[in-house]
Amino acid sequence: MKYEPYECGIPGIEKKETKISVKYYLTAILFILFDIEIIFMYPWAISFREFIATGGGTFVFVSMMIFIAIFIFGLFWEVKSKALEWD
């Protein structure tokens, strides 16, 4: 059943399973992590003026800088451990 033709009736070219390198998965996971970082930063950037107006701007700014520092540390760790290289 696995190697049967699809709805169009054209038989498959290869009969074996293709293996995908782990590097693709690692790159995809890293991409998703940094996308999530941007998703968290967008609402913060939109509402930052309101925090300044209410007097909580300093706390919110420092907390976001800590959040960004953690991700920058993670990026440096990835570069140091050569997680992004395709050797």
PDB file of N, CA and C in Angstrom:
ATOM      1  N   MET A   1       0.829  -1.192   0.000  1.00  0.00           N
ATOM      2  CA  MET A   1       0.000   0.000   0.000  1.00  0.00           C
ATOM      3  C   MET A   1       0.869   1.250   0.000  1.00  0.00           C
ATOM      4  N   LYS A   2       2.021   1.166   0.648  1.00  0.00           N
ATOM      5  CA  LYS A   2       2.871   2.344   0.772  1.00  0.00           C
ATOM      6  C   LYS A   2       3.424   2.785  -0.581  1.00  0.00           C
ATOM      7  N   TYR A   3       3.678   1.833  -1.460  1.00  0.00           N
ATOM      8  CA  TYR A   3       4.297   2.168  -2.747  1.00  0.00           C
ATOM      9  C   TYR A   3       3.301   2.129  -3.905  1.00  0.00           C
ATOM     10  N   GLU A   4       2.034   2.159  -3.600  1.00  0.00           N
ATOM     11  CA  GLU A   4       1.003   2.172  -4.632  1.00  0.00           C
ATOM     12  C   GLU A   4       0.931   3.550  -5.277  1.00  0.00           C
ATOM     13  N   PRO A   5       0.415   3.632  -6.520  1.00  0.00           N
ATOM     14  CA  PRO A   5       0.253   4.937  -7.173  1.00  0.00           C
ATOM     15  C   PRO A   5      -0.749   5.808  -6.416  1.00  0.00           C
ATOM     16  N   TYR A   6      -0.537   7.102  -6.525  1.00  0.00           N
ATOM     17  CA  TYR A   6      -1.467   8.045  -5.902  1.00  0.00           C
ATOM     18  C   TYR A   6      -2.726   8.149  -6.751  1.00  0.00           C
ATOM     19  N   GLU A   7      -3.582   9.101  -6.463  1.00  0.00           N
ATOM     20  CA  GLU A   7      -4.856   9.239  -7.162  1.00  0.00           C
ATOM     21  C   GLU A   7      -4.690   9.442  -8.656  1.00  0.00           C
ATOM     22  N   CYS A   8      -3.597  10.078  -9.057  1.00  0.00           N
ATOM     23  CA  CYS A   8      -3.429  10.368 -10.477  1.00  0.00           C
ATOM     24  C   CYS A   8      -3.087   9.112 -11.270  1.00  0.00           C
ATOM     25  N   GLY A   9      -2.675   8.035 -10.614  1.00  0.00           N
ATOM     26  CA  GLY A   9      -2.376   6.799 -11.303  1.00  0.00           C
ATOM     27  C   GLY A   9      -0.945   6.670 -11.765  1.00  0.00           C
ATOM     28  N   ILE A  10      -0.127   7.670 -11.519  1.00  0.00           N
ATOM     29  CA  ILE A  10       1.273   7.605 -11.932  1.00  0.00           C
ATOM     30  C   ILE A  10       2.056   6.873 -10.846  1.00  0.00           C
ATOM     31  N   PRO A  11       2.763   5.821 -11.210  1.00  0.00           N
ATOM     32  CA  PRO A  11       3.530   5.104 -10.188  1.00  0.00           C
ATOM     33  C   PRO A  11       4.721   5.926  -9.704  1.00  0.00           C
ATOM     34  N   GLY A  12       5.134   5.687  -8.477  1.00  0.00           N
ATOM     35  CA  GLY A  12       6.264   6.403  -7.911  1.00  0.00           C
ATOM     36  C   GLY A  12       7.569   6.049  -8.605  1.00  0.00           C
ATOM     37  N   ILE A  13       8.512   6.984  -8.609  1.00  0.00           N
ATOM     38  CA  ILE A  13       9.803   6.766  -9.263  1.00  0.00           C
ATOM     39  C   ILE A  13      10.696   5.874  -8.403  1.00  0.00           C
ATOM     40  N   GLU A  14      10.805   6.190  -7.132  1.00  0.00           N
ATOM     41  CA  GLU A  14      11.672   5.430  -6.239  1.00  0.00           C
ATOM     42  C   GLU A  14      10.839   4.526  -5.348  1.00  0.00           C
ATOM     43  N   LYS A  15      11.393   3.374  -5.066  1.00  0.00           N
ATOM     44  CA  LYS A  15      10.712   2.430  -4.187  1.00  0.00           C
ATOM     45  C   LYS A  15      11.312   2.420  -2.787  1.00  0.00           C
ATOM     46  N   LYS A  16      12.367   3.193  -2.551  1.00  0.00           N
ATOM     47  CA  LYS A  16      13.002   3.188  -1.236  1.00  0.00           C
ATOM     48  C   LYS A  16      12.682   4.481  -0.493  1.00  0.00           C
ATOM     49  N   GLU A  17      12.844   4.419   0.804  1.00  0.00           N
ATOM     50  CA  GLU A  17      12.633   5.604   1.622  1.00  0.00           C
ATOM     51  C   GLU A  17      13.882   6.472   1.574  1.00  0.00           C
ATOM     52  N   THR A  18      13.686   7.764   1.465  1.00  0.00           N
ATOM     53  CA  THR A  18      14.832   8.672   1.460  1.00  0.00           C
ATOM     54  C   THR A  18      15.080   9.165   2.875  1.00  0.00           C
ATOM     55  N   LYS A  19      16.327   9.234   3.237  1.00  0.00           N
ATOM     56  CA  LYS A  19      16.714   9.706   4.567  1.00  0.00           C
ATOM     57  C   LYS A  19      17.033  11.190   4.488  1.00  0.00           C
ATOM     58  N   ILE A  20      16.557  11.934   5.454  1.00  0.00           N
ATOM     59  CA  ILE A  20      16.818  13.367   5.523  1.00  0.00           C
ATOM     60  C   ILE A  20      17.833  13.597   6.630  1.00  0.00           C
ATOM     61  N   SER A  21      18.806  14.431   6.341  1.00  0.00           N
ATOM     62  CA  SER A  21      19.865  14.708   7.300  1.00  0.00           C
ATOM     63  C   SER A  21      19.313  15.397   8.545  1.00  0.00           C
ATOM     64  N   VAL A  22      19.937  15.119   9.670  1.00  0.00           N
ATOM     65  CA  VAL A  22      19.538  15.725  10.936  1.00  0.00           C
ATOM     66  C   VAL A  22      19.788  17.229  10.915  1.00  0.00           C
ATOM     67  N   LYS A  23      20.729  17.687  10.104  1.00  0.00           N
ATOM     68  CA  LYS A  23      21.040  19.119  10.024  1.00  0.00           C
ATOM     69  C   LYS A  23      19.816  19.931   9.594  1.00  0.00           C
ATOM     70  N   TYR A  24      18.978  19.365   8.727  1.00  0.00           N
ATOM     71  CA  TYR A  24      17.774  20.077   8.310  1.00  0.00           C
ATOM     72  C   TYR A  24      16.831  20.279   9.497  1.00  0.00           C
ATOM     73  N   TYR A  25      16.680  19.253  10.305  1.00  0.00           N
ATOM     74  CA  TYR A  25      15.816  19.364  11.477  1.00  0.00           C
ATOM     75  C   TYR A  25      16.378  20.366  12.477  1.00  0.00           C
ATOM     76  N   LEU A  26      17.685  20.337  12.690  1.00  0.00           N
ATOM     77  CA  LEU A  26      18.316  21.267  13.622  1.00  0.00           C
ATOM     78  C   LEU A  26      18.137  22.709  13.158  1.00  0.00           C
ATOM     79  N   THR A  27      18.336  22.943  11.863  1.00  0.00           N
ATOM     80  CA  THR A  27      18.155  24.285  11.323  1.00  0.00           C
ATOM     81  C   THR A  27      16.697  24.727  11.458  1.00  0.00           C
ATOM     82  N   ALA A  28      15.769  23.833  11.217  1.00  0.00           N
ATOM     83  CA  ALA A  28      14.348  24.173  11.339  1.00  0.00           C
ATOM     84  C   ALA A  28      13.981  24.506  12.783  1.00  0.00           C
ATOM     85  N   ILE A  29      14.502  23.749  13.726  1.00  0.00           N
ATOM     86  CA  ILE A  29      14.208  24.019  15.136  1.00  0.00           C
ATOM     87  C   ILE A  29      14.777  25.365  15.558  1.00  0.00           C
ATOM     88  N   LEU A  30      16.005  25.666  15.129  1.00  0.00           N
ATOM     89  CA  LEU A  30      16.606  26.956  15.468  1.00  0.00           C
ATOM     90  C   LEU A  30      15.826  28.101  14.836  1.00  0.00           C
ATOM     91  N   PHE A  31      15.370  27.914  13.607  1.00  0.00           N
ATOM     92  CA  PHE A  31      14.559  28.927  12.939  1.00  0.00           C
ATOM     93  C   PHE A  31      13.265  29.179  13.711  1.00  0.00           C
ATOM     94  N   ILE A  32      12.626  28.112  14.150  1.00  0.00           N
ATOM     95  CA  ILE A  32      11.381  28.253  14.904  1.00  0.00           C
ATOM     96  C   ILE A  32      11.621  28.962  16.236  1.00  0.00           C
ATOM     97  N   LEU A  33      12.724  28.632  16.912  1.00  0.00           N
ATOM     98  CA  LEU A  33      13.024  29.294  18.184  1.00  0.00           C
ATOM     99  C   LEU A  33      13.186  30.795  18.020  1.00  0.00           C
ATOM    100  N   PHE A  34      13.912  31.215  16.991  1.00  0.00           N
ATOM    101  CA  PHE A  34      14.116  32.645  16.816  1.00  0.00           C
ATOM    102  C   PHE A  34      12.865  33.332  16.268  1.00  0.00           C
ATOM    103  N   ASP A  35      12.020  32.601  15.568  1.00  0.00           N
ATOM    104  CA  ASP A  35      10.722  33.164  15.187  1.00  0.00           C
ATOM    105  C   ASP A  35       9.850  33.400  16.417  1.00  0.00           C
ATOM    106  N   ILE A  36       9.870  32.471  17.343  1.00  0.00           N
ATOM    107  CA  ILE A  36       9.095  32.631  18.573  1.00  0.00           C
ATOM    108  C   ILE A  36       9.604  33.822  19.371  1.00  0.00           C
ATOM    109  N   GLU A  37      10.912  34.042  19.344  1.00  0.00           N
ATOM    110  CA  GLU A  37      11.459  35.221  20.027  1.00  0.00           C
ATOM    111  C   GLU A  37      10.867  36.501  19.442  1.00  0.00           C
ATOM    112  N   ILE A  38      10.799  36.583  18.132  1.00  0.00           N
ATOM    113  CA  ILE A  38      10.227  37.769  17.483  1.00  0.00           C
ATOM    114  C   ILE A  38       8.739  37.892  17.815  1.00  0.00           C
ATOM    115  N   ILE A  39       8.045  36.767  17.885  1.00  0.00           N
ATOM    116  CA  ILE A  39       6.621  36.803  18.224  1.00  0.00           C
ATOM    117  C   ILE A  39       6.411  37.370  19.628  1.00  0.00           C
ATOM    118  N   PHE A  40       7.313  37.058  20.562  1.00  0.00           N
ATOM    119  CA  PHE A  40       7.211  37.616  21.910  1.00  0.00           C
ATOM    120  C   PHE A  40       7.614  39.084  21.957  1.00  0.00           C
ATOM    121  N   MET A  41       8.512  39.497  21.099  1.00  0.00           N
ATOM    122  CA  MET A  41       8.988  40.879  21.132  1.00  0.00           C
ATOM    123  C   MET A  41       8.002  41.853  20.492  1.00  0.00           C
ATOM    124  N   TYR A  42       7.210  41.404  19.548  1.00  0.00           N
ATOM    125  CA  TYR A  42       6.295  42.303  18.836  1.00  0.00           C
ATOM    126  C   TYR A  42       5.259  42.950  19.767  1.00  0.00           C
ATOM    127  N   PRO A  43       4.528  42.188  20.579  1.00  0.00           N
ATOM    128  CA  PRO A  43       3.565  42.853  21.481  1.00  0.00           C
ATOM    129  C   PRO A  43       4.246  43.772  22.491  1.00  0.00           C
ATOM    130  N   TRP A  44       5.434  43.383  22.925  1.00  0.00           N
ATOM    131  CA  TRP A  44       6.185  44.241  23.846  1.00  0.00           C
ATOM    132  C   TRP A  44       6.491  45.580  23.191  1.00  0.00           C
ATOM    133  N   ALA A  45       6.936  45.547  21.938  1.00  0.00           N
ATOM    134  CA  ALA A  45       7.271  46.788  21.241  1.00  0.00           C
ATOM    135  C   ALA A  45       6.031  47.649  21.009  1.00  0.00           C
ATOM    136  N   ILE A  46       4.902  47.022  20.748  1.00  0.00           N
ATOM    137  CA  ILE A  46       3.666  47.770  20.509  1.00  0.00           C
ATOM    138  C   ILE A  46       3.183  48.462  21.786  1.00  0.00           C
ATOM    139  N   SER A  47       3.267  47.790  22.919  1.00  0.00           N
ATOM    140  CA  SER A  47       2.714  48.346  24.156  1.00  0.00           C
ATOM    141  C   SER A  47       3.749  49.039  25.036  1.00  0.00           C
ATOM    142  N   PHE A  48       4.957  49.238  24.555  1.00  0.00           N
ATOM    143  CA  PHE A  48       6.005  49.831  25.390  1.00  0.00           C
ATOM    144  C   PHE A  48       5.677  51.275  25.777  1.00  0.00           C
ATOM    145  N   ARG A  49       5.064  52.033  24.882  1.00  0.00           N
ATOM    146  CA  ARG A  49       4.699  53.426  25.212  1.00  0.00           C
ATOM    147  C   ARG A  49       3.698  53.492  26.364  1.00  0.00           C
ATOM    148  N   GLU A  50       2.780  52.545  26.392  1.00  0.00           N
ATOM    149  CA  GLU A  50       1.807  52.512  27.491  1.00  0.00           C
ATOM    150  C   GLU A  50       2.495  52.216  28.820  1.00  0.00           C
ATOM    151  N   PHE A  51       3.491  51.347  28.797  1.00  0.00           N
ATOM    152  CA  PHE A  51       4.232  51.047  30.025  1.00  0.00           C
ATOM    153  C   PHE A  51       5.015  52.261  30.504  1.00  0.00           C
ATOM    154  N   ILE A  52       5.567  53.018  29.578  1.00  0.00           N
ATOM    155  CA  ILE A  52       6.294  54.234  29.955  1.00  0.00           C
ATOM    156  C   ILE A  52       5.323  55.245  30.574  1.00  0.00           C
ATOM    157  N   ALA A  53       4.131  55.375  29.988  1.00  0.00           N
ATOM    158  CA  ALA A  53       3.148  56.340  30.490  1.00  0.00           C
ATOM    159  C   ALA A  53       2.657  55.984  31.899  1.00  0.00           C
ATOM    160  N   THR A  54       2.594  54.703  32.209  1.00  0.00           N
ATOM    161  CA  THR A  54       2.114  54.294  33.531  1.00  0.00           C
ATOM    162  C   THR A  54       3.231  54.186  34.562  1.00  0.00           C
ATOM    163  N   GLY A  55       4.455  54.407  34.147  1.00  0.00           N
ATOM    164  CA  GLY A  55       5.572  54.381  35.090  1.00  0.00           C
ATOM    165  C   GLY A  55       6.273  53.047  35.216  1.00  0.00           C
ATOM    166  N   GLY A  56       5.884  52.068  34.452  1.00  0.00           N
ATOM    167  CA  GLY A  56       6.522  50.747  34.534  1.00  0.00           C
ATOM    168  C   GLY A  56       7.488  50.484  33.401  1.00  0.00           C
ATOM    169  N   GLY A  57       7.897  51.535  32.716  1.00  0.00           N
ATOM    170  CA  GLY A  57       8.749  51.369  31.546  1.00  0.00           C
ATOM    171  C   GLY A  57      10.114  50.785  31.851  1.00  0.00           C
ATOM    172  N   THR A  58      10.697  51.171  32.976  1.00  0.00           N
ATOM    173  CA  THR A  58      12.035  50.690  33.316  1.00  0.00           C
ATOM    174  C   THR A  58      12.028  49.186  33.576  1.00  0.00           C
ATOM    175  N   PHE A  59      11.070  48.711  34.336  1.00  0.00           N
ATOM    176  CA  PHE A  59      10.984  47.282  34.627  1.00  0.00           C
ATOM    177  C   PHE A  59      10.762  46.471  33.354  1.00  0.00           C
ATOM    178  N   VAL A  60       9.865  46.940  32.506  1.00  0.00           N
ATOM    179  CA  VAL A  60       9.555  46.221  31.273  1.00  0.00           C
ATOM    180  C   VAL A  60      10.758  46.232  30.336  1.00  0.00           C
ATOM    181  N   PHE A  61      11.464  47.354  30.270  1.00  0.00           N
ATOM    182  CA  PHE A  61      12.647  47.444  29.418  1.00  0.00           C
ATOM    183  C   PHE A  61      13.744  46.493  29.897  1.00  0.00           C
ATOM    184  N   VAL A  62      13.993  46.482  31.195  1.00  0.00           N
ATOM    185  CA  VAL A  62      15.038  45.603  31.744  1.00  0.00           C
ATOM    186  C   VAL A  62      14.668  44.134  31.549  1.00  0.00           C
ATOM    187  N   SER A  63      13.416  43.797  31.754  1.00  0.00           N
ATOM    188  CA  SER A  63      13.009  42.399  31.569  1.00  0.00           C
ATOM    189  C   SER A  63      13.154  41.966  30.110  1.00  0.00           C
ATOM    190  N   MET A  64      12.854  42.866  29.165  1.00  0.00           N
ATOM    191  CA  MET A  64      13.024  42.505  27.757  1.00  0.00           C
ATOM    192  C   MET A  64      14.504  42.404  27.396  1.00  0.00           C
ATOM    193  N   MET A  65      15.340  43.239  27.979  1.00  0.00           N
ATOM    194  CA  MET A  65      16.779  43.149  27.710  1.00  0.00           C
ATOM    195  C   MET A  65      17.354  41.835  28.247  1.00  0.00           C
ATOM    196  N   ILE A  66      16.845  41.370  29.377  1.00  0.00           N
ATOM    197  CA  ILE A  66      17.270  40.063  29.892  1.00  0.00           C
ATOM    198  C   ILE A  66      16.829  38.959  28.942  1.00  0.00           C
ATOM    199  N   PHE A  67      15.602  39.057  28.447  1.00  0.00           N
ATOM    200  CA  PHE A  67      15.085  38.082  27.485  1.00  0.00           C
ATOM    201  C   PHE A  67      15.942  38.058  26.223  1.00  0.00           C
ATOM    202  N   ILE A  68      16.285  39.218  25.698  1.00  0.00           N
ATOM    203  CA  ILE A  68      17.116  39.302  24.497  1.00  0.00           C
ATOM    204  C   ILE A  68      18.521  38.784  24.784  1.00  0.00           C
ATOM    205  N   ALA A  69      19.062  39.085  25.960  1.00  0.00           N
ATOM    206  CA  ALA A  69      20.407  38.613  26.312  1.00  0.00           C
ATOM    207  C   ALA A  69      20.462  37.090  26.362  1.00  0.00           C
ATOM    208  N   ILE A  70      19.406  36.466  26.855  1.00  0.00           N
ATOM    209  CA  ILE A  70      19.371  34.999  26.890  1.00  0.00           C
ATOM    210  C   ILE A  70      19.410  34.440  25.476  1.00  0.00           C
ATOM    211  N   PHE A  71      18.666  35.031  24.558  1.00  0.00           N
ATOM    212  CA  PHE A  71      18.678  34.542  23.190  1.00  0.00           C
ATOM    213  C   PHE A  71      19.986  34.853  22.475  1.00  0.00           C
ATOM    214  N   ILE A  72      20.603  35.978  22.767  1.00  0.00           N
ATOM    215  CA  ILE A  72      21.913  36.276  22.175  1.00  0.00           C
ATOM    216  C   ILE A  72      22.951  35.289  22.697  1.00  0.00           C
ATOM    217  N   PHE A  73      22.881  34.963  23.989  1.00  0.00           N
ATOM    218  CA  PHE A  73      23.769  33.941  24.540  1.00  0.00           C
ATOM    219  C   PHE A  73      23.559  32.613  23.818  1.00  0.00           C
ATOM    220  N   GLY A  74      22.308  32.259  23.559  1.00  0.00           N
ATOM    221  CA  GLY A  74      22.008  31.032  22.821  1.00  0.00           C
ATOM    222  C   GLY A  74      22.558  31.056  21.410  1.00  0.00           C
ATOM    223  N   LEU A  75      22.477  32.199  20.760  1.00  0.00           N
ATOM    224  CA  LEU A  75      23.021  32.315  19.407  1.00  0.00           C
ATOM    225  C   LEU A  75      24.534  32.158  19.414  1.00  0.00           C
ATOM    226  N   PHE A  76      25.212  32.792  20.373  1.00  0.00           N
ATOM    227  CA  PHE A  76      26.666  32.633  20.474  1.00  0.00           C
ATOM    228  C   PHE A  76      27.044  31.190  20.786  1.00  0.00           C
ATOM    229  N   TRP A  77      26.252  30.520  21.606  1.00  0.00           N
ATOM    230  CA  TRP A  77      26.519  29.119  21.916  1.00  0.00           C
ATOM    231  C   TRP A  77      26.372  28.247  20.669  1.00  0.00           C
ATOM    232  N   GLU A  78      25.356  28.541  19.846  1.00  0.00           N
ATOM    233  CA  GLU A  78      25.170  27.791  18.606  1.00  0.00           C
ATOM    234  C   GLU A  78      26.349  27.982  17.665  1.00  0.00           C
ATOM    235  N   VAL A  79      26.835  29.211  17.564  1.00  0.00           N
ATOM    236  CA  VAL A  79      27.980  29.477  16.692  1.00  0.00           C
ATOM    237  C   VAL A  79      29.223  28.782  17.237  1.00  0.00           C
ATOM    238  N   LYS A  80      29.424  28.839  18.553  1.00  0.00           N
ATOM    239  CA  LYS A  80      30.601  28.223  19.156  1.00  0.00           C
ATOM    240  C   LYS A  80      30.572  26.704  19.017  1.00  0.00           C
ATOM    241  N   SER A  81      29.418  26.100  19.182  1.00  0.00           N
ATOM    242  CA  SER A  81      29.315  24.647  19.070  1.00  0.00           C
ATOM    243  C   SER A  81      29.171  24.184  17.624  1.00  0.00           C
ATOM    244  N   LYS A  82      29.213  25.123  16.691  1.00  0.00           N
ATOM    245  CA  LYS A  82      29.147  24.847  15.247  1.00  0.00           C
ATOM    246  C   LYS A  82      27.863  24.108  14.863  1.00  0.00           C
ATOM    247  N   ALA A  83      26.776  24.489  15.488  1.00  0.00           N
ATOM    248  CA  ALA A  83      25.495  23.860  15.186  1.00  0.00           C
ATOM    249  C   ALA A  83      24.957  24.290  13.828  1.00  0.00           C
ATOM    250  N   LEU A  84      25.416  25.426  13.324  1.00  0.00           N
ATOM    251  CA  LEU A  84      24.905  25.939  12.054  1.00  0.00           C
ATOM    252  C   LEU A  84      25.804  25.611  10.869  1.00  0.00           C
ATOM    253  N   GLU A  85      26.869  24.847  11.081  1.00  0.00           N
ATOM    254  CA  GLU A  85      27.773  24.510   9.980  1.00  0.00           C
ATOM    255  C   GLU A  85      27.346  23.203   9.326  1.00  0.00           C
ATOM    256  N   TRP A  86      27.603  23.072   8.033  1.00  0.00           N
ATOM    257  CA  TRP A  86      27.158  21.928   7.247  1.00  0.00           C
ATOM    258  C   TRP A  86      28.294  20.984   6.876  1.00  0.00           C
ATOM    259  N   ASP A  87      29.307  20.887   7.686  1.00  0.00           N
ATOM    260  CA  ASP A  87      30.459  20.037   7.347  1.00  0.00           C
ATOM    261  C   ASP A  87      30.069  18.618   7.114  1.00  0.00           C
TER     262      ASP A  87
END
